[in-house]
Every structure is written in C-alpha cells, then in structure tokens.
Amino acid sequence: MVGIPAVSHVRPSLDVIRELVARGHRVTYANDPSVAELIEPTGAELVPCPSGLPVADNDWPDDPIAAMGLFLDDAVRALPGLRTVYDRDPADLYLYDIGAYAARALAEAQGRPLLQLSPAFVAWDGYDEEVAAPLWQLPGADAYREKFARWLAGCGASTTDVDAFSSRPPHTLALIPRAMQPHADRVRTDTVTFVGPCFDVRADDGRWTRPTDAERVLLISLGSAYTRQPEFYRTCLAAFGDLPGWHVVLQIGRHTDPRELGTIPSNVEVHPWVPQRAILAQADAFVTHAGMGGCGEGLLAGVPMIAVPQAVDQFMNADRLVELGVARRIDTAEATAENLRAALTALAGDPEVARRSALLRTEARAEGGTPRAADLIEELLD
C-alpha cells in the first residue's frame, strides 16, 4: 500500500490492510512517518516515505491548480525512494491512494498489477468534460499538464496520458457508499467496485458509554482537518446547550483550546478527539463537515445529519446528503444558533428522515465493506 499522510485518506483503508495481514499476507505500507501510529497497529510494515504535503497545518493553497501541483511534486519526490525499496523487493500487488501517483508509476514500470483504494467519489463517464475541462482553463493549468506529461514520459509509467493516468486506473475499490457517488449510474462497473466504508462496525462497541439520563444524543465533529473553529463551537453550545432531552458530544480537534469556548453547559462533553463510530452507533443526530469519511460513517449508522461543509468536496457531499433525504445543509455563514437548533428539531422529528436513514444504512452495509474488499484484492493476487 502506498498512501499520503492525510488522516482522511489513511483511515478509510486501515481495516482492509488489517484484514489482509490477518489473512496471512505480507503487507508493507509506504507513507510519511507522521502517520506511523495509525499504520503500525494494522500489522503492516511501515516503509518511510517522507511527504511534503501540507497536511500537518492544513495550509493548502486556494488555487486548485496549485493544490494539484503539490500532489504532483510529492509524487516526483517520492518515486526514487519507492524504487529504492521496491525494485529490489517488488510487491505482488500495489494498492494505492488516489493522491499517491508515484505508486501507479512504480507498478507500471515493474509490470505489476495495481488497485486504487479511493476514499472519495470516483470519475464517471462525462467527468472529463463536466469537471476536469473547466479546471484546464484556469491559469497555470497548461504548465501543470506539461510538467505531469514530462514526468510520465520519463518515469517508466506505461500510461503517459495525463487524464488517463490521474483518473482512469484499471481497478478501483471505492471505499464509500454508492449512494454518495455523483452520477453513480455513469460509473464504469468493469473498473470500479463500490464496497462501502471499510471498518468493523462492532469494533468500537464499548468505547463510549451513553449517559443513562440521555434521551437523545447529538455528536458534533468537523473531522480531522478543519477543526480550528472556536466560533462555530461556541455557536453549537448556544444552540444545543441545555436543550431538553439532548446529551451533546463535541469534538474540537487539537487546535482549539476548550477555554476558548467559555462556560460548557452541563449536557455537553468536550474532547479533542472522540471514538466517532462508537458514538454514532448510539447517536440520534450528527453535525458533520460532510467529509466523505463522516458521511459514510453517518450513513452506516443510520443517523440523520446536519451538514456544515468547510472545503473541497464537502459542499457536494452535503448536497448529496440532502438529496438522499437524510440531512439539512447549513453553510458556516448561516450556522446561527437558531438555524442549527431548528434543523435538529426538524430532522429528529421527521419520520421520513428516519425511514430514509434506515434504508440507506441497510444498503451501505450490504455493499460488503472490509471482507468484500479483501476478497476482491485477493482475486487480483490469484
């Protein structure tokens, strides 16, 4: 497995790696040492691959071409180190994250099979015209494409077309619910298989105890990247603090000091990190930034959501949750205490939302998750 050190890209595949190790496979995982504590408990052997991506401080450029350039630069930097390790000990199969371009170049240069593990939505027929083409009109796009093409021509990859290399791998496992995929009916089923979120839904049992006096539980979490939001957290306390019948769990991340929040209401517990899946298994509602990981966990738990998107694909994800009938979208600028409280009341009291949440939960679990993903990976090894 070759990945990038963004937690939202590492976590989705960890249980698949753990399952492969448990089945007796030798698994190495090339990634930045900063995520070693996530990788090593799976039983995989960490292959240190230092990354220059700005994941530690989440300091990504606003310009999408500049952001794409960071991934390309990271691949150019990573490939020589990967070749040093894997040219003398080639893998039988390369798994790789959507941002780890060097892995595909390595596998193609060695003539080895490869499989992409996607923690986000995948390209569909028409994606190049509808999504990619407008990007290529932006300033700097021509230079980026030329640099990418030069690298492909010289790195040993057999796929030298930039579009085909970056968005059309021969095999992909989409680690998301199919319900979250835009234009799912236009995704090529000969190259993409949706297996849903991959984790043991029972693994977090017992890691969080619901208070005995809590009639309903609300989880508030903005994931792992966009957590420096003290003003939003204060608004949540105003919206849900002392709300009759509700117990609130608020995750604030490691960049926010709890003292910035002022007085914490008696029905609220505040933590830098929480066992999210364990809480969602017992929750009645979820305020989320609508990252794909959070969306998948919410759907798998069958919990209605208030989506407050922060960046990148989260706006599209939030709209999709609304289309599915299980969420309300409230952008940060409109996230007043009154709007948040009204959304919670509407969601929690709507039987159609409960019905849709239960249906999508059943569908997501039927996609197979970790066992099916591991089975499909083993098919490529045979």
Protein backbone atom coordinates (compact mmCIF):
# COMPACT_ATOMS: atom_id res chain seq x y z
CA MET A 1 0.00 0.00 0.00
CA VAL A 2 1.23 3.47 -0.87
CA GLY A 3 -0.55 6.47 0.62
CA ILE A 4 -0.38 10.10 1.60
CA PRO A 5 -0.30 11.32 5.21
CA ALA A 6 -3.73 12.97 5.31
CA VAL A 7 -5.69 11.23 8.09
CA SER A 8 -8.86 11.32 5.99
CA HIS A 9 -7.02 9.31 3.33
CA VAL A 10 -5.28 6.89 5.70
CA ARG A 11 -8.15 5.84 7.98
CA PRO A 12 -10.58 4.53 5.29
CA SER A 13 -8.26 1.71 4.22
CA LEU A 14 -6.78 0.70 7.58
CA ASP A 15 -9.23 -2.10 8.27
CA VAL A 16 -8.64 -3.52 4.78
CA ILE A 17 -4.90 -3.60 5.49
CA ARG A 18 -5.55 -5.20 8.89
CA GLU A 19 -7.73 -7.85 7.27
CA LEU A 20 -5.11 -8.67 4.64
CA VAL A 21 -2.47 -9.11 7.34
CA ALA A 22 -4.87 -11.33 9.32
CA ARG A 23 -5.33 -13.49 6.22
CA GLY A 24 -1.61 -14.14 6.11
CA HIS A 25 -0.41 -11.62 3.54
CA ARG A 26 2.80 -9.69 3.98
CA VAL A 27 1.79 -6.04 3.66
CA THR A 28 4.08 -3.04 3.52
CA TYR A 29 2.68 0.48 3.74
CA ALA A 30 4.71 3.33 2.27
CA ASN A 31 3.77 6.63 3.85
CA ASP A 32 5.14 9.52 5.85
CA PRO A 33 6.39 8.56 9.34
CA SER A 34 3.94 11.08 10.83
CA VAL A 35 1.12 8.54 10.37
CA ALA A 36 3.07 5.56 11.69
CA GLU A 37 0.85 5.36 14.78
CA LEU A 38 -2.16 4.79 12.53
CA ILE A 39 -0.49 2.24 10.25
CA GLU A 40 1.58 0.07 12.56
CA PRO A 41 -1.36 -1.33 14.63
CA THR A 42 -2.67 -2.96 11.43
CA GLY A 43 0.34 -5.27 11.34
CA ALA A 44 1.64 -3.75 8.12
CA GLU A 45 5.33 -2.85 7.88
CA LEU A 46 5.81 0.91 7.53
CA VAL A 47 8.08 1.93 4.66
CA PRO A 48 9.08 5.53 5.46
CA CYS A 49 8.26 7.80 2.55
CA PRO A 50 8.58 11.45 3.64
CA SER A 51 5.92 13.72 2.18
CA GLY A 52 5.95 17.43 1.51
CA LEU A 53 2.15 17.76 1.52
CA PRO A 54 0.93 20.45 3.97
CA VAL A 55 -1.31 18.09 5.95
CA ALA A 56 0.13 18.90 9.38
CA ASP A 57 -1.04 22.51 9.38
CA ASN A 58 -3.72 22.12 6.69
CA ASP A 59 -2.15 25.01 4.79
CA TRP A 60 -3.42 24.19 1.31
CA PRO A 61 -3.43 26.83 -1.45
CA ASP A 62 -6.81 28.18 -2.51
CA ASP A 63 -5.85 27.84 -6.18
CA PRO A 64 -6.86 24.32 -7.31
CA ILE A 65 -4.05 24.09 -9.87
CA ALA A 66 -1.51 24.96 -7.21
CA ALA A 67 -3.01 22.31 -4.92
CA MET A 68 -2.83 19.70 -7.69
CA GLY A 69 0.77 20.73 -8.27
CA LEU A 70 1.62 19.83 -4.67
CA PHE A 71 0.48 16.24 -5.27
CA LEU A 72 2.50 16.02 -8.47
CA ASP A 73 5.60 17.41 -6.77
CA ASP A 74 5.12 14.91 -3.95
CA ALA A 75 4.97 12.04 -6.45
CA VAL A 76 8.10 13.20 -8.25
CA ARG A 77 9.87 13.39 -4.90
CA ALA A 78 8.57 10.02 -3.65
CA LEU A 79 9.22 7.79 -6.66
CA PRO A 80 13.02 7.43 -6.35
CA GLY A 81 12.68 6.37 -2.72
CA LEU A 82 9.96 3.88 -3.56
CA ARG A 83 12.07 2.41 -6.34
CA THR A 84 15.00 2.01 -3.96
CA VAL A 85 12.82 -0.21 -1.75
CA TYR A 86 10.58 -1.98 -4.23
CA ASP A 87 12.88 -2.54 -7.19
CA ARG A 88 14.80 -5.00 -5.03
CA ASP A 89 11.65 -6.40 -3.40
CA PRO A 90 8.73 -5.94 -5.83
CA ALA A 91 5.21 -6.30 -4.49
CA ASP A 92 2.86 -8.88 -5.98
CA LEU A 93 0.17 -6.17 -5.99
CA TYR A 94 0.31 -2.44 -5.40
CA LEU A 95 -2.57 -0.77 -3.58
CA TYR A 96 -2.55 2.99 -3.63
CA ASP A 97 -4.44 6.07 -2.50
CA ILE A 98 -5.86 8.50 -5.06
CA GLY A 99 -3.19 11.06 -4.17
CA ALA A 100 -0.23 8.68 -4.40
CA TYR A 101 0.64 9.00 -8.09
CA ALA A 102 4.12 7.54 -7.59
CA ALA A 103 2.63 4.13 -6.75
CA ARG A 104 0.97 3.80 -10.13
CA ALA A 105 4.15 4.87 -11.92
CA LEU A 106 6.12 2.28 -9.93
CA ALA A 107 3.68 -0.56 -10.61
CA GLU A 108 3.52 0.20 -14.33
CA ALA A 109 7.30 0.42 -14.58
CA GLN A 110 7.56 -3.03 -12.98
CA GLY A 111 4.66 -4.51 -14.92
CA ARG A 112 2.86 -5.37 -11.68
CA PRO A 113 -0.90 -5.28 -11.03
CA LEU A 114 -2.27 -2.30 -9.15
CA LEU A 115 -5.51 -1.36 -7.45
CA GLN A 116 -6.61 2.07 -6.33
CA LEU A 117 -8.37 2.44 -2.98
CA SER A 118 -10.49 5.57 -3.24
CA PRO A 119 -11.73 7.28 -0.07
CA ALA A 120 -13.72 9.75 -2.19
CA PHE A 121 -16.03 9.69 -5.17
CA VAL A 122 -14.62 8.43 -8.46
CA ALA A 123 -14.74 9.70 -12.03
CA TRP A 124 -17.78 8.89 -14.13
CA ASP A 125 -18.39 8.87 -17.87
CA GLY A 126 -18.51 12.57 -18.69
CA TYR A 127 -16.32 13.62 -15.74
CA ASP A 128 -13.56 14.90 -18.02
CA GLU A 129 -15.95 17.25 -19.82
CA GLU A 130 -18.05 18.27 -16.83
CA VAL A 131 -15.44 18.64 -14.09
CA ALA A 132 -11.89 18.38 -15.43
CA ALA A 133 -12.25 20.52 -18.55
CA PRO A 134 -13.09 23.75 -16.64
CA LEU A 135 -10.02 23.19 -14.45
CA TRP A 136 -7.79 23.03 -17.50
CA GLN A 137 -8.90 26.54 -18.43
CA LEU A 138 -7.51 28.03 -15.22
CA PRO A 139 -4.21 29.95 -15.13
CA GLY A 140 -1.27 27.62 -14.70
CA ALA A 141 -3.11 24.55 -15.96
CA ASP A 142 -1.10 24.22 -19.18
CA ALA A 143 2.20 24.35 -17.31
CA TYR A 144 0.94 21.78 -14.81
CA ARG A 145 -0.14 19.38 -17.53
CA GLU A 146 3.14 19.80 -19.38
CA LYS A 147 5.11 19.06 -16.22
CA PHE A 148 2.95 16.00 -15.49
CA ALA A 149 3.36 14.71 -19.05
CA ARG A 150 7.16 15.13 -18.91
CA TRP A 151 7.29 13.18 -15.67
CA LEU A 152 5.15 10.36 -17.07
CA ALA A 153 7.32 10.15 -20.18
CA GLY A 154 10.46 9.74 -18.13
CA CYS A 155 9.44 7.78 -15.02
CA GLY A 156 8.76 4.42 -16.63
CA ALA A 157 4.96 4.54 -16.48
CA SER A 158 3.18 2.82 -19.35
CA THR A 159 0.23 5.23 -19.14
CA THR A 160 1.53 8.54 -20.46
CA ASP A 161 -1.76 10.39 -20.95
CA VAL A 162 -2.26 12.75 -18.00
CA ASP A 163 -6.05 12.37 -17.86
CA ALA A 164 -5.97 8.59 -18.10
CA PHE A 165 -3.20 8.33 -15.50
CA SER A 166 -4.82 10.56 -12.91
CA SER A 167 -8.46 9.50 -13.18
CA ARG A 168 -8.80 6.17 -15.02
CA PRO A 169 -6.98 3.39 -13.14
CA PRO A 170 -7.63 -0.15 -14.35
CA HIS A 171 -9.04 -1.28 -10.99
CA THR A 172 -10.59 0.78 -8.19
CA LEU A 173 -12.30 -0.09 -4.95
CA ALA A 174 -14.45 2.85 -3.88
CA LEU A 175 -14.48 2.83 -0.08
CA ILE A 176 -17.66 4.89 0.08
CA PRO A 177 -21.38 4.14 -0.04
CA ARG A 178 -22.56 4.04 -3.63
CA ALA A 179 -25.32 6.40 -2.55
CA MET A 180 -22.71 9.15 -2.10
CA GLN A 181 -21.32 8.79 -5.63
CA PRO A 182 -22.34 11.53 -8.09
CA HIS A 183 -23.78 10.07 -11.30
CA ALA A 184 -23.35 6.54 -9.98
CA ASP A 185 -25.24 5.17 -12.98
CA ARG A 186 -22.42 6.51 -15.20
CA VAL A 187 -19.54 4.90 -13.30
CA ARG A 188 -17.86 2.05 -15.17
CA THR A 189 -18.58 -1.12 -13.24
CA ASP A 190 -15.87 -3.01 -15.13
CA THR A 191 -13.19 -0.93 -13.40
CA VAL A 192 -14.87 0.36 -10.22
CA THR A 193 -16.48 -1.59 -7.39
CA PHE A 194 -18.24 0.11 -4.50
CA VAL A 195 -17.59 -1.74 -1.26
CA GLY A 196 -18.80 0.94 1.13
CA PRO A 197 -16.96 2.18 4.23
CA CYS A 198 -14.44 -0.42 5.38
CA PHE A 199 -14.34 -0.96 9.09
CA ASP A 200 -15.74 -3.39 11.61
CA VAL A 201 -18.98 -1.78 12.78
CA ARG A 202 -18.66 -3.72 16.04
CA ALA A 203 -15.04 -2.76 16.75
CA ASP A 204 -15.85 0.43 18.67
CA ASP A 205 -18.54 -1.12 20.87
CA GLY A 206 -17.93 -0.24 24.48
CA ARG A 207 -15.54 2.63 23.76
CA TRP A 208 -18.14 5.22 24.68
CA THR A 209 -20.96 4.96 27.19
CA ARG A 210 -24.21 6.77 26.63
CA PRO A 211 -25.29 8.59 29.79
CA THR A 212 -28.21 6.82 31.43
CA ASP A 213 -30.24 10.02 31.59
CA ALA A 214 -29.73 10.96 27.92
CA GLU A 215 -32.97 10.74 25.99
CA ARG A 216 -31.15 11.62 22.75
CA VAL A 217 -27.50 12.02 21.76
CA LEU A 218 -26.01 14.54 19.31
CA LEU A 219 -22.45 14.25 18.00
CA ILE A 220 -20.71 17.35 16.61
CA SER A 221 -17.48 16.78 14.68
CA LEU A 222 -15.70 18.61 11.88
CA GLY A 223 -13.39 15.69 11.19
CA SER A 224 -9.61 15.81 11.33
CA ALA A 225 -8.58 18.72 9.11
CA TYR A 226 -10.89 21.72 9.55
CA THR A 227 -11.21 21.75 13.32
CA ARG A 228 -9.89 25.21 14.22
CA GLN A 229 -13.41 26.67 14.52
CA PRO A 230 -13.91 28.08 18.05
CA GLU A 231 -16.63 30.48 16.94
CA PHE A 232 -18.66 27.66 15.39
CA TYR A 233 -18.24 25.55 18.53
CA ARG A 234 -19.49 28.44 20.68
CA THR A 235 -22.49 28.72 18.38
CA CYS A 236 -23.17 25.00 18.83
CA LEU A 237 -23.06 25.43 22.59
CA ALA A 238 -25.59 28.23 22.29
CA ALA A 239 -27.77 26.11 20.02
CA PHE A 240 -27.70 22.81 21.86
CA GLY A 241 -26.50 23.59 25.37
CA ASP A 242 -29.16 22.75 27.95
CA LEU A 243 -31.50 21.61 25.15
CA PRO A 244 -34.05 19.44 27.00
CA GLY A 245 -33.52 15.71 26.50
CA TRP A 246 -30.29 16.03 24.49
CA HIS A 247 -26.79 14.98 25.50
CA VAL A 248 -24.14 16.57 23.25
CA VAL A 249 -20.66 15.26 22.43
CA LEU A 250 -18.47 17.97 20.89
CA GLN A 251 -15.16 17.13 19.23
CA ILE A 252 -12.98 20.23 18.82
CA GLY A 253 -9.70 18.82 17.47
CA ARG A 254 -6.22 19.56 18.74
CA HIS A 255 -6.01 23.16 17.52
CA THR A 256 -8.78 24.58 19.71
CA ASP A 257 -8.34 25.24 23.43
CA PRO A 258 -11.50 24.34 25.40
CA ARG A 259 -11.04 27.55 27.37
CA GLU A 260 -11.91 29.46 24.19
CA LEU A 261 -15.43 28.09 24.38
CA GLY A 262 -16.42 29.73 27.64
CA THR A 263 -18.78 28.02 30.06
CA ILE A 264 -19.64 24.46 28.98
CA PRO A 265 -23.31 23.57 29.55
CA SER A 266 -23.97 20.59 31.80
CA ASN A 267 -25.37 18.45 28.96
CA VAL A 268 -22.23 18.84 26.80
CA GLU A 269 -18.95 16.89 26.90
CA VAL A 270 -15.99 18.40 25.01
CA HIS A 271 -12.99 16.42 23.72
CA PRO A 272 -10.11 16.99 21.26
CA TRP A 273 -10.89 13.55 19.79
CA VAL A 274 -13.70 11.04 20.23
CA PRO A 275 -14.35 7.45 19.08
CA GLN A 276 -16.74 8.71 16.43
CA ARG A 277 -18.15 5.41 15.22
CA ALA A 278 -18.83 4.23 18.76
CA ILE A 279 -20.80 7.39 19.46
CA LEU A 280 -22.65 7.33 16.15
CA ALA A 281 -23.77 3.78 16.91
CA GLN A 282 -25.66 5.25 19.87
CA ALA A 283 -26.45 8.71 18.48
CA ASP A 284 -29.69 10.25 17.27
CA ALA A 285 -28.18 13.06 15.16
CA PHE A 286 -24.83 14.17 13.78
CA VAL A 287 -23.46 17.63 12.96
CA THR A 288 -20.72 16.99 10.39
CA HIS A 289 -18.48 18.89 7.99
CA ALA A 290 -19.61 16.38 5.33
CA GLY A 291 -16.20 14.92 4.63
CA MET A 292 -16.66 11.64 2.82
CA GLY A 293 -15.50 9.65 5.83
CA GLY A 294 -18.01 11.31 8.11
CA CYS A 295 -20.78 10.94 5.55
CA GLY A 296 -20.06 7.23 5.20
CA GLU A 297 -19.98 6.69 8.96
CA GLY A 298 -23.22 8.63 9.38
CA LEU A 299 -24.98 6.62 6.67
CA LEU A 300 -23.66 3.33 8.02
CA ALA A 301 -25.01 4.25 11.46
CA GLY A 302 -28.35 5.41 10.06
CA VAL A 303 -28.09 8.80 11.77
CA PRO A 304 -29.71 12.00 10.43
CA MET A 305 -27.15 14.73 9.74
CA ILE A 306 -26.74 18.48 9.76
CA ALA A 307 -24.06 19.15 7.14
CA VAL A 308 -21.87 22.24 7.64
CA PRO A 309 -19.33 21.93 4.78
CA GLN A 310 -15.93 23.57 5.14
CA ALA A 311 -13.93 22.91 1.95
CA VAL A 312 -13.20 20.85 -1.19
CA ASP A 313 -15.73 18.04 -1.87
CA GLN A 314 -17.70 18.67 1.31
CA PHE A 315 -20.12 21.07 -0.39
CA MET A 316 -21.01 18.45 -2.99
CA ASN A 317 -21.25 15.79 -0.28
CA ALA A 318 -23.57 17.98 1.77
CA ASP A 319 -25.87 18.49 -1.20
CA ARG A 320 -25.89 14.76 -1.84
CA LEU A 321 -26.94 14.03 1.75
CA VAL A 322 -29.80 16.47 1.31
CA GLU A 323 -30.82 14.78 -1.96
CA LEU A 324 -30.82 11.44 -0.16
CA GLY A 325 -33.31 12.82 2.32
CA VAL A 326 -31.22 12.36 5.47
CA ALA A 327 -29.73 15.80 6.11
CA ARG A 328 -30.03 19.56 6.17
CA ARG A 329 -27.22 21.72 4.78
CA ILE A 330 -26.27 24.87 6.68
CA ASP A 331 -23.26 26.79 5.41
CA THR A 332 -20.97 28.28 8.05
CA ALA A 333 -22.17 31.84 7.41
CA GLU A 334 -25.76 30.77 8.09
CA ALA A 335 -24.92 28.50 11.02
CA THR A 336 -26.60 30.57 13.72
CA ALA A 337 -27.77 29.00 16.95
CA GLU A 338 -31.37 29.41 15.81
CA ASN A 339 -30.79 27.73 12.43
CA LEU A 340 -28.84 24.84 13.95
CA ARG A 341 -31.47 24.22 16.62
CA ALA A 342 -34.29 24.40 14.09
CA ALA A 343 -32.54 21.92 11.80
CA LEU A 344 -32.02 19.46 14.65
CA THR A 345 -35.64 19.70 15.73
CA ALA A 346 -36.88 19.18 12.17
CA LEU A 347 -34.61 16.21 11.49
CA ALA A 348 -35.21 14.45 14.79
CA GLY A 349 -38.96 14.71 14.46
CA ASP A 350 -39.33 13.67 10.81
CA PRO A 351 -40.41 10.03 10.29
CA GLU A 352 -39.44 10.16 6.60
CA VAL A 353 -35.88 11.10 7.52
CA ALA A 354 -35.80 8.16 9.93
CA ARG A 355 -37.11 5.84 7.20
CA ARG A 356 -34.57 7.05 4.64
CA SER A 357 -31.72 6.81 7.15
CA ALA A 358 -32.63 3.20 7.97
CA LEU A 359 -32.90 2.28 4.28
CA LEU A 360 -29.52 3.79 3.38
CA ARG A 361 -27.95 2.11 6.41
CA THR A 362 -29.13 -1.25 5.12
CA GLU A 363 -27.89 -0.51 1.60
CA ALA A 364 -24.46 0.64 2.80
CA ARG A 365 -23.95 -2.46 4.95
CA ALA A 366 -24.98 -4.72 2.07
CA GLU A 367 -22.08 -3.41 -0.07
CA GLY A 368 -19.75 -5.72 1.82
CA GLY A 369 -17.20 -3.45 3.47
CA THR A 370 -13.88 -4.88 4.60
CA PRO A 371 -14.45 -8.59 3.88
CA ARG A 372 -15.58 -7.93 0.32
CA ALA A 373 -12.69 -5.51 -0.28
CA ALA A 374 -10.19 -8.10 0.91
CA ASP A 375 -11.81 -10.79 -1.24
CA LEU A 376 -11.53 -8.62 -4.34
CA ILE A 377 -7.90 -7.78 -3.59
CA GLU A 378 -7.11 -11.47 -3.25
CA GLU A 379 -8.73 -12.13 -6.63
CA LEU A 380 -6.12 -9.86 -8.22
CA LEU A 381 -3.38 -11.80 -6.46
CA ASP A 382 -4.53 -15.18 -7.86
